[in-house]
Amino acid sequence: MDSSELRIISPFIKAGAIARLLTAKPKSVAAITRFNLGDFAENVSDIGALRRLLEHGATVRGVKNLHAKVYLFGSKRVIVTSANLTEAGLDRNHEFGLVSEDPAIIAACRCYFEDLWRRSGADLTTSQLDLWDSIVTRHWAEGGRPNRPVGLGDFGSDAGVVNSLALFLPTAVADAPQAFVKFLGEGSNRVPLSFPTFKEIERAGCHWAVAYPATKRPRAVEDGAVIFIARLTREPNDIRIFGRAIGMRHVPGRDDATPGDIARRDWKATWSRYVRVHHAEFLAGTMANGISLNELMGDLGASSFAPTQSNAARGKGNTDPRRAYQQQAAVQLSAEGVAWLGERLQAAFDRHGKVPQVELDELDWPAVT
């Protein structure tokens, strides 16, 4: 494959896919994508991916309402496809396209790229990315409510398509770097399966943050991690997963309980460290609708969690999943655990519905200064 020149047209670009593409070390890279901050806020595209392109020396421009996907490899090959430049698009989704080495097809695609490039405005700069990063990070830190990304701004150029409807996409979790089950409650205050999920959301404030003990900062969670939110239950004793959100890396100061937080929920005096979350979604109804962690551990055994799976692979250390989460505020899932839990939680959403966003909007939300 000719790696001397790479030309990309893709609405959504994710960091993992870019890293793979750049292993070919193309000498010249130009990319056309979308600069709608709502896309970055919804995790369907990455600011980090665009930063990686600029660090490689690429030139990047943005076009509003972009939907085309074209990948030109020098003068020798072109891919025209339905797939975005994401791990899901490359590996997991059902996509359709063609690869051509026909000179006429390559020339036509190059003409399309060059025409769109001329209408795509100024080159992206690092300072623009820094500004966008701060806007999106603040949006997430304030809970990332899905009815708000449209107001974050679209900095792409108008290349001839106007007055189109805004594109709303669900939160992307397929490319998440990690996944955790975060436990709410303690063994001494389990709730019955009849306990309403909304009442727990209101009690815990888990629509915008999950709390960790004051004695230890939660440094394991990376930006973009999936946080499955669970409550300790009784009759029988179990842990029921009733929600899912996207986590943020803990930042001391920003992610410590304020006096106002403690006045609202006095237990935060001892659970004062936060992992903020955004795009939280919760099962409607009661904890009985949640997914049983006991069932997950029964089905997957040592493969339930990342630590026990790793120990089993090296033949050393604890491999009992029930011991792995004892006295812990959260536990990291294995890839198999993520797939098992994600499939069942989605089925539960389909069966029981979600807590409406309008109800979540009535709860307390943080203001980040």
Protein backbone atom coordinates (compact mmCIF):
# COMPACT_ATOMS: atom_id res chain seq x y z
CA MET A 1 0.00 0.00 0.00
CA ASP A 2 1.25 3.49 -0.86
CA SER A 3 1.81 5.25 2.47
CA SER A 4 3.43 8.36 1.04
CA GLU A 5 0.16 10.31 1.16
CA LEU A 6 -2.99 9.68 3.14
CA ARG A 7 -6.25 11.57 2.60
CA ILE A 8 -9.15 11.01 5.01
CA ILE A 9 -12.81 12.01 4.91
CA SER A 10 -14.68 10.78 7.98
CA PRO A 11 -17.31 12.47 10.17
CA PHE A 12 -16.19 10.65 13.32
CA ILE A 13 -12.62 9.80 14.24
CA LYS A 14 -11.53 7.88 17.35
CA ALA A 15 -8.07 7.74 18.89
CA GLY A 16 -7.63 3.96 18.69
CA ALA A 17 -8.39 3.85 14.96
CA ILE A 18 -6.02 6.76 14.27
CA ALA A 19 -3.23 5.03 16.18
CA ARG A 20 -3.65 1.96 13.98
CA LEU A 21 -3.70 3.99 10.78
CA LEU A 22 -0.58 5.94 11.67
CA THR A 23 1.48 2.79 12.20
CA ALA A 24 2.02 2.86 8.42
CA LYS A 25 3.90 6.17 9.01
CA PRO A 26 2.39 8.14 6.11
CA LYS A 27 4.58 11.07 5.09
CA SER A 28 1.68 13.43 4.34
CA VAL A 29 -1.75 13.34 5.98
CA ALA A 30 -4.80 15.54 5.39
CA ALA A 31 -8.15 14.90 7.02
CA ILE A 32 -11.66 16.34 6.68
CA THR A 33 -13.99 15.66 9.58
CA ARG A 34 -16.65 17.36 11.74
CA PHE A 35 -15.92 20.05 14.33
CA ASN A 36 -19.28 19.78 16.12
CA LEU A 37 -18.50 19.77 19.84
CA GLY A 38 -21.69 17.81 20.44
CA ASP A 39 -20.01 14.85 18.71
CA PHE A 40 -17.06 15.00 21.11
CA ALA A 41 -19.42 15.44 24.07
CA GLU A 42 -21.33 12.32 22.99
CA ASN A 43 -18.07 10.32 22.65
CA VAL A 44 -18.70 9.43 19.01
CA SER A 45 -15.57 11.33 18.01
CA ASP A 46 -12.38 12.18 19.93
CA ILE A 47 -10.59 15.47 20.44
CA GLY A 48 -7.62 13.26 21.34
CA ALA A 49 -7.70 11.69 17.88
CA LEU A 50 -7.46 15.11 16.22
CA ARG A 51 -4.63 16.03 18.57
CA ARG A 52 -2.81 12.85 17.57
CA LEU A 53 -3.16 13.81 13.90
CA LEU A 54 -1.72 17.28 14.51
CA GLU A 55 1.17 15.79 16.47
CA HIS A 56 1.90 13.58 13.45
CA GLY A 57 2.07 16.71 11.26
CA ALA A 58 -1.32 16.24 9.62
CA THR A 59 -3.52 19.05 8.34
CA VAL A 60 -7.12 18.83 9.54
CA ARG A 61 -10.21 20.79 8.46
CA GLY A 62 -13.86 20.62 9.46
CA VAL A 63 -17.12 20.57 7.51
CA LYS A 64 -20.61 20.88 8.96
CA ASN A 65 -23.02 17.98 8.36
CA LEU A 66 -20.30 15.77 6.90
CA HIS A 67 -21.43 12.21 6.24
CA ALA A 68 -19.07 10.87 3.53
CA LYS A 69 -16.30 8.35 4.30
CA VAL A 70 -13.42 8.13 1.86
CA TYR A 71 -9.82 6.99 2.47
CA LEU A 72 -7.19 7.67 -0.22
CA PHE A 73 -3.80 5.94 -0.03
CA GLY A 74 -1.50 7.84 -2.35
CA SER A 75 -2.33 7.37 -6.01
CA LYS A 76 -2.67 3.60 -5.77
CA ARG A 77 -5.76 2.77 -3.71
CA VAL A 78 -9.01 4.19 -2.36
CA ILE A 79 -11.60 2.90 0.09
CA VAL A 80 -15.16 4.24 -0.16
CA THR A 81 -17.24 2.89 2.70
CA SER A 82 -19.99 3.40 5.24
CA ALA A 83 -17.44 2.98 8.06
CA ASN A 84 -16.24 5.88 10.18
CA LEU A 85 -12.63 5.94 11.36
CA THR A 86 -13.46 4.29 14.69
CA GLU A 87 -12.69 0.90 16.22
CA ALA A 88 -16.37 0.01 15.97
CA GLY A 89 -16.48 1.01 12.31
CA LEU A 90 -13.33 -0.95 11.50
CA ASP A 91 -13.98 -4.10 13.52
CA ARG A 92 -17.49 -4.48 14.94
CA ASN A 93 -20.22 -2.81 12.91
CA HIS A 94 -21.86 -4.20 9.81
CA GLU A 95 -20.48 -1.84 7.16
CA PHE A 96 -20.32 -1.84 3.37
CA GLY A 97 -17.82 -0.38 0.96
CA LEU A 98 -15.33 -1.05 -1.78
CA VAL A 99 -11.59 -1.00 -2.27
CA SER A 100 -10.43 0.13 -5.68
CA GLU A 101 -7.11 0.42 -7.48
CA ASP A 102 -8.78 1.65 -10.67
CA PRO A 103 -7.07 4.90 -11.75
CA ALA A 104 -10.34 6.49 -12.89
CA ILE A 105 -12.09 5.81 -9.57
CA ILE A 106 -9.07 7.03 -7.59
CA ALA A 107 -8.95 10.22 -9.69
CA ALA A 108 -12.67 10.88 -9.14
CA CYS A 109 -12.30 10.41 -5.38
CA ARG A 110 -9.26 12.69 -5.32
CA CYS A 111 -11.22 15.39 -7.14
CA TYR A 112 -14.00 15.05 -4.57
CA PHE A 113 -11.52 15.38 -1.72
CA GLU A 114 -9.79 18.41 -3.22
CA ASP A 115 -13.09 20.17 -3.96
CA LEU A 116 -14.33 19.59 -0.40
CA TRP A 117 -10.95 20.63 0.98
CA ARG A 118 -11.16 24.00 -0.78
CA ARG A 119 -14.55 24.64 0.88
CA SER A 120 -13.56 23.39 4.33
CA GLY A 121 -12.13 26.53 5.91
CA ALA A 122 -8.94 27.08 7.88
CA ASP A 123 -6.57 24.44 9.21
CA LEU A 124 -7.18 23.19 12.75
CA THR A 125 -4.73 24.42 15.42
CA THR A 126 -3.65 23.05 18.78
CA SER A 127 -5.00 26.14 20.55
CA GLN A 128 -8.47 25.46 19.10
CA LEU A 129 -8.30 21.89 20.40
CA ASP A 130 -7.31 23.14 23.86
CA LEU A 131 -10.35 25.44 23.93
CA TRP A 132 -12.72 22.71 22.72
CA ASP A 133 -11.27 20.29 25.26
CA SER A 134 -12.04 22.70 28.10
CA ILE A 135 -15.61 23.26 26.85
CA VAL A 136 -16.37 19.55 26.51
CA THR A 137 -14.66 18.65 29.79
CA ARG A 138 -16.77 21.23 31.63
CA HIS A 139 -19.92 19.88 29.97
CA TRP A 140 -19.03 16.38 31.20
CA ALA A 141 -18.09 17.58 34.68
CA GLU A 142 -21.54 19.17 34.98
CA GLY A 143 -23.20 15.85 34.21
CA GLY A 144 -23.19 15.76 30.40
CA ARG A 145 -26.95 15.88 30.08
CA PRO A 146 -27.90 14.59 26.60
CA ASN A 147 -30.36 17.40 25.86
CA ARG A 148 -27.58 19.98 26.01
CA PRO A 149 -24.71 19.08 23.60
CA VAL A 150 -26.38 20.90 20.69
CA GLY A 151 -25.52 24.20 22.42
CA LEU A 152 -21.79 23.53 22.60
CA GLY A 153 -21.11 24.85 19.10
CA ASP A 154 -20.22 23.61 15.64
CA PHE A 155 -16.95 25.03 14.31
CA GLY A 156 -17.00 23.34 10.92
CA SER A 157 -17.31 25.25 7.69
CA ASP A 158 -20.50 25.48 5.70
CA ALA A 159 -19.56 23.60 2.54
CA GLY A 160 -22.93 23.98 0.91
CA VAL A 161 -25.40 22.07 3.10
CA VAL A 162 -27.50 24.30 5.35
CA ASN A 163 -30.46 24.04 7.71
CA SER A 164 -30.09 20.33 8.29
CA LEU A 165 -31.45 18.73 11.43
CA ALA A 166 -29.03 18.22 14.30
CA LEU A 167 -27.64 14.72 14.56
CA PHE A 168 -28.27 13.05 17.92
CA LEU A 169 -26.33 9.87 18.61
CA PRO A 170 -26.28 7.68 21.70
CA THR A 171 -23.27 7.66 23.97
CA ALA A 172 -20.51 5.48 22.54
CA VAL A 173 -19.25 2.86 24.96
CA ALA A 174 -17.73 0.37 22.54
CA ASP A 175 -14.33 2.13 22.50
CA ALA A 176 -14.14 2.73 26.25
CA PRO A 177 -10.64 2.12 27.69
CA GLN A 178 -11.97 0.55 30.91
CA ALA A 179 -15.15 -0.55 32.63
CA PHE A 180 -15.97 -0.73 36.34
CA VAL A 181 -18.83 -1.76 38.56
CA LYS A 182 -19.23 0.98 41.20
CA PHE A 183 -20.98 -0.15 44.38
CA LEU A 184 -23.44 2.11 46.22
CA GLY A 185 -24.34 1.40 49.83
CA GLU A 186 -22.67 -0.86 52.37
CA GLY A 187 -23.39 -4.24 53.87
CA SER A 188 -25.06 -2.56 56.81
CA ASN A 189 -27.59 -0.59 54.73
CA ARG A 190 -28.68 -2.84 51.87
CA VAL A 191 -32.02 -2.01 50.25
CA PRO A 192 -34.80 -4.43 49.25
CA LEU A 193 -35.39 -5.31 45.61
CA SER A 194 -38.58 -3.25 45.81
CA PHE A 195 -36.54 -0.08 46.38
CA PRO A 196 -37.16 2.46 43.53
CA THR A 197 -34.14 3.17 41.35
CA PHE A 198 -35.04 6.88 41.17
CA LYS A 199 -34.99 7.11 44.96
CA GLU A 200 -31.45 5.70 44.97
CA ILE A 201 -30.34 8.14 42.25
CA GLU A 202 -31.73 11.01 44.33
CA ARG A 203 -30.07 9.69 47.50
CA ALA A 204 -26.66 9.02 45.95
CA GLY A 205 -26.42 11.84 43.40
CA CYS A 206 -25.03 9.25 41.00
CA HIS A 207 -26.51 11.08 38.01
CA TRP A 208 -23.38 13.27 38.04
CA ALA A 209 -20.83 11.63 40.38
CA VAL A 210 -20.09 8.40 42.22
CA ALA A 211 -18.44 8.77 45.63
CA TYR A 212 -15.34 7.09 47.06
CA PRO A 213 -13.99 7.13 50.62
CA ALA A 214 -12.21 10.24 51.86
CA THR A 215 -9.21 8.10 52.81
CA LYS A 216 -8.26 7.20 49.23
CA ARG A 217 -8.42 9.04 45.94
CA PRO A 218 -9.87 6.99 43.04
CA ARG A 219 -6.96 7.18 40.61
CA ALA A 220 -7.65 4.01 38.60
CA VAL A 221 -10.46 5.45 36.44
CA GLU A 222 -9.45 6.99 33.12
CA ASP A 223 -11.42 9.49 31.06
CA GLY A 224 -14.04 7.67 29.02
CA ALA A 225 -14.31 4.60 31.29
CA VAL A 226 -17.72 2.99 31.48
CA ILE A 227 -19.09 3.03 35.02
CA PHE A 228 -21.81 0.46 35.71
CA ILE A 229 -23.68 1.75 38.77
CA ALA A 230 -24.85 -0.86 41.29
CA ARG A 231 -26.61 -1.01 44.67
CA LEU A 232 -26.14 -3.54 47.46
CA THR A 233 -29.48 -5.28 47.97
CA ARG A 234 -30.98 -7.85 50.36
CA GLU A 235 -33.44 -10.76 50.35
CA PRO A 236 -31.36 -12.27 48.86
CA ASN A 237 -28.08 -10.44 49.36
CA ASP A 238 -26.85 -9.33 45.96
CA ILE A 239 -25.53 -6.34 44.04
CA ARG A 240 -27.91 -5.06 41.35
CA ILE A 241 -26.59 -3.00 38.43
CA PHE A 242 -29.23 -0.42 37.58
CA GLY A 243 -27.38 2.24 35.59
CA ARG A 244 -24.50 3.11 33.32
CA ALA A 245 -22.48 6.28 32.76
CA ILE A 246 -19.19 7.55 31.36
CA GLY A 247 -16.53 8.35 33.95
CA MET A 248 -13.94 11.10 34.19
CA ARG A 249 -10.44 10.97 35.63
CA HIS A 250 -10.40 12.19 39.25
CA VAL A 251 -9.03 15.73 39.60
CA PRO A 252 -8.20 16.76 43.19
CA GLY A 253 -10.07 19.89 44.20
CA ARG A 254 -12.62 19.78 41.43
CA ASP A 255 -13.68 16.29 42.46
CA ASP A 256 -13.85 16.70 46.22
CA ALA A 257 -17.13 17.20 48.07
CA THR A 258 -17.86 20.83 48.85
CA PRO A 259 -19.49 22.05 52.08
CA GLY A 260 -22.69 22.45 50.05
CA ASP A 261 -22.47 18.85 48.85
CA ILE A 262 -22.05 17.62 52.43
CA ALA A 263 -24.94 19.79 53.65
CA ARG A 264 -27.16 18.15 51.01
CA ARG A 265 -25.91 14.60 51.68
CA ASP A 266 -24.20 14.38 55.07
CA TRP A 267 -22.67 10.96 54.35
CA LYS A 268 -20.33 12.69 51.87
CA ALA A 269 -18.26 13.86 54.83
CA THR A 270 -16.72 10.37 54.80
CA TRP A 271 -17.31 9.63 51.10
CA SER A 272 -15.90 12.87 49.77
CA ARG A 273 -13.87 11.82 46.71
CA TYR A 274 -15.64 11.82 43.36
CA VAL A 275 -15.41 10.18 40.02
CA ARG A 276 -17.63 12.47 38.01
CA VAL A 277 -19.86 10.83 35.43
CA HIS A 278 -21.79 12.05 32.43
CA HIS A 279 -24.44 10.65 30.11
CA ALA A 280 -25.83 8.59 32.96
CA GLU A 281 -28.83 6.38 32.15
CA PHE A 282 -30.80 4.35 34.66
CA LEU A 283 -33.36 1.59 34.68
CA ALA A 284 -36.89 2.67 35.51
CA GLY A 285 -38.79 0.91 38.26
CA THR A 286 -37.12 -0.90 41.14
CA MET A 287 -33.86 -2.67 41.93
CA ALA A 288 -35.56 -5.92 40.96
CA ASN A 289 -35.14 -4.77 37.34
CA GLY A 290 -31.38 -4.52 37.75
CA ILE A 291 -28.77 -7.05 36.66
CA SER A 292 -27.46 -9.47 39.29
CA LEU A 293 -23.74 -9.39 39.96
CA ASN A 294 -24.12 -12.82 41.55
CA GLU A 295 -25.31 -14.16 38.20
CA LEU A 296 -22.40 -12.54 36.37
CA MET A 297 -19.89 -14.14 38.76
CA GLY A 298 -21.70 -17.47 38.57
CA ASP A 299 -21.55 -17.50 34.78
CA LEU A 300 -18.02 -16.16 34.24
CA GLY A 301 -16.10 -17.13 37.37
CA ALA A 302 -12.54 -15.76 37.35
CA SER A 303 -13.21 -14.11 33.98
CA SER A 304 -15.73 -11.73 35.58
CA PHE A 305 -13.17 -9.11 36.60
CA ALA A 306 -9.87 -7.91 35.24
CA PRO A 307 -7.83 -8.68 38.42
CA THR A 308 -9.09 -12.26 38.84
CA GLN A 309 -8.75 -12.99 35.14
CA SER A 310 -5.16 -11.74 35.20
CA ASN A 311 -4.38 -13.85 38.27
CA ALA A 312 -5.88 -16.94 36.66
CA ALA A 313 -3.78 -16.39 33.52
CA ARG A 314 -0.52 -16.19 35.50
CA GLY A 315 -1.49 -18.92 37.96
CA LYS A 316 -0.96 -16.76 41.01
CA GLY A 317 -3.12 -14.67 43.33
CA ASN A 318 -6.84 -14.57 44.04
CA THR A 319 -9.12 -15.93 41.32
CA ASP A 320 -12.38 -15.87 43.29
CA PRO A 321 -14.50 -12.96 41.98
CA ARG A 322 -16.45 -12.80 45.25
CA ARG A 323 -13.27 -12.04 47.15
CA ALA A 324 -12.07 -9.55 44.54
CA TYR A 325 -14.61 -6.86 45.38
CA GLN A 326 -14.79 -7.29 49.16
CA GLN A 327 -14.07 -4.03 51.00
CA GLN A 328 -13.79 -2.28 47.63
CA ALA A 329 -15.76 0.71 46.34
CA ALA A 330 -15.54 -0.57 42.77
CA VAL A 331 -14.09 -3.39 40.71
CA GLN A 332 -12.76 -3.38 37.14
CA LEU A 333 -14.54 -5.66 34.69
CA SER A 334 -12.88 -7.96 32.19
CA ALA A 335 -13.76 -7.69 28.50
CA GLU A 336 -16.00 -10.74 28.95
CA GLY A 337 -17.64 -9.11 31.96
CA VAL A 338 -18.32 -5.93 29.99
CA ALA A 339 -19.92 -7.89 27.15
CA TRP A 340 -22.03 -10.03 29.51
CA LEU A 341 -23.23 -7.07 31.55
CA GLY A 342 -23.70 -4.69 28.64
CA GLU A 343 -25.93 -7.13 26.75
CA ARG A 344 -28.15 -7.78 29.76
CA LEU A 345 -28.39 -4.15 30.81
CA GLN A 346 -29.44 -3.13 27.32
CA ALA A 347 -32.09 -5.86 27.32
CA ALA A 348 -33.31 -4.56 30.67
CA PHE A 349 -33.50 -1.01 29.28
CA ASP A 350 -35.59 -2.35 26.40
CA ARG A 351 -37.87 -4.30 28.73
CA HIS A 352 -38.34 -1.87 31.61
CA GLY A 353 -37.47 1.51 30.12
CA LYS A 354 -35.20 4.24 31.44
CA VAL A 355 -35.72 6.96 34.02
CA PRO A 356 -36.82 9.90 31.83
CA GLN A 357 -34.29 12.67 31.37
CA VAL A 358 -36.89 15.25 32.38
CA GLU A 359 -37.04 13.60 35.81
CA LEU A 360 -33.25 13.56 36.12
CA ASP A 361 -33.18 17.24 35.14
CA GLU A 362 -35.19 18.03 38.26
CA LEU A 363 -32.41 16.72 40.50
CA ASP A 364 -29.42 18.72 41.75
CA TRP A 365 -26.66 19.25 39.20
CA PRO A 366 -23.19 20.71 39.80
CA ALA A 367 -21.85 24.00 38.49
CA VAL A 368 -18.14 23.83 37.74
CA THR A 369 -16.31 27.15 38.16
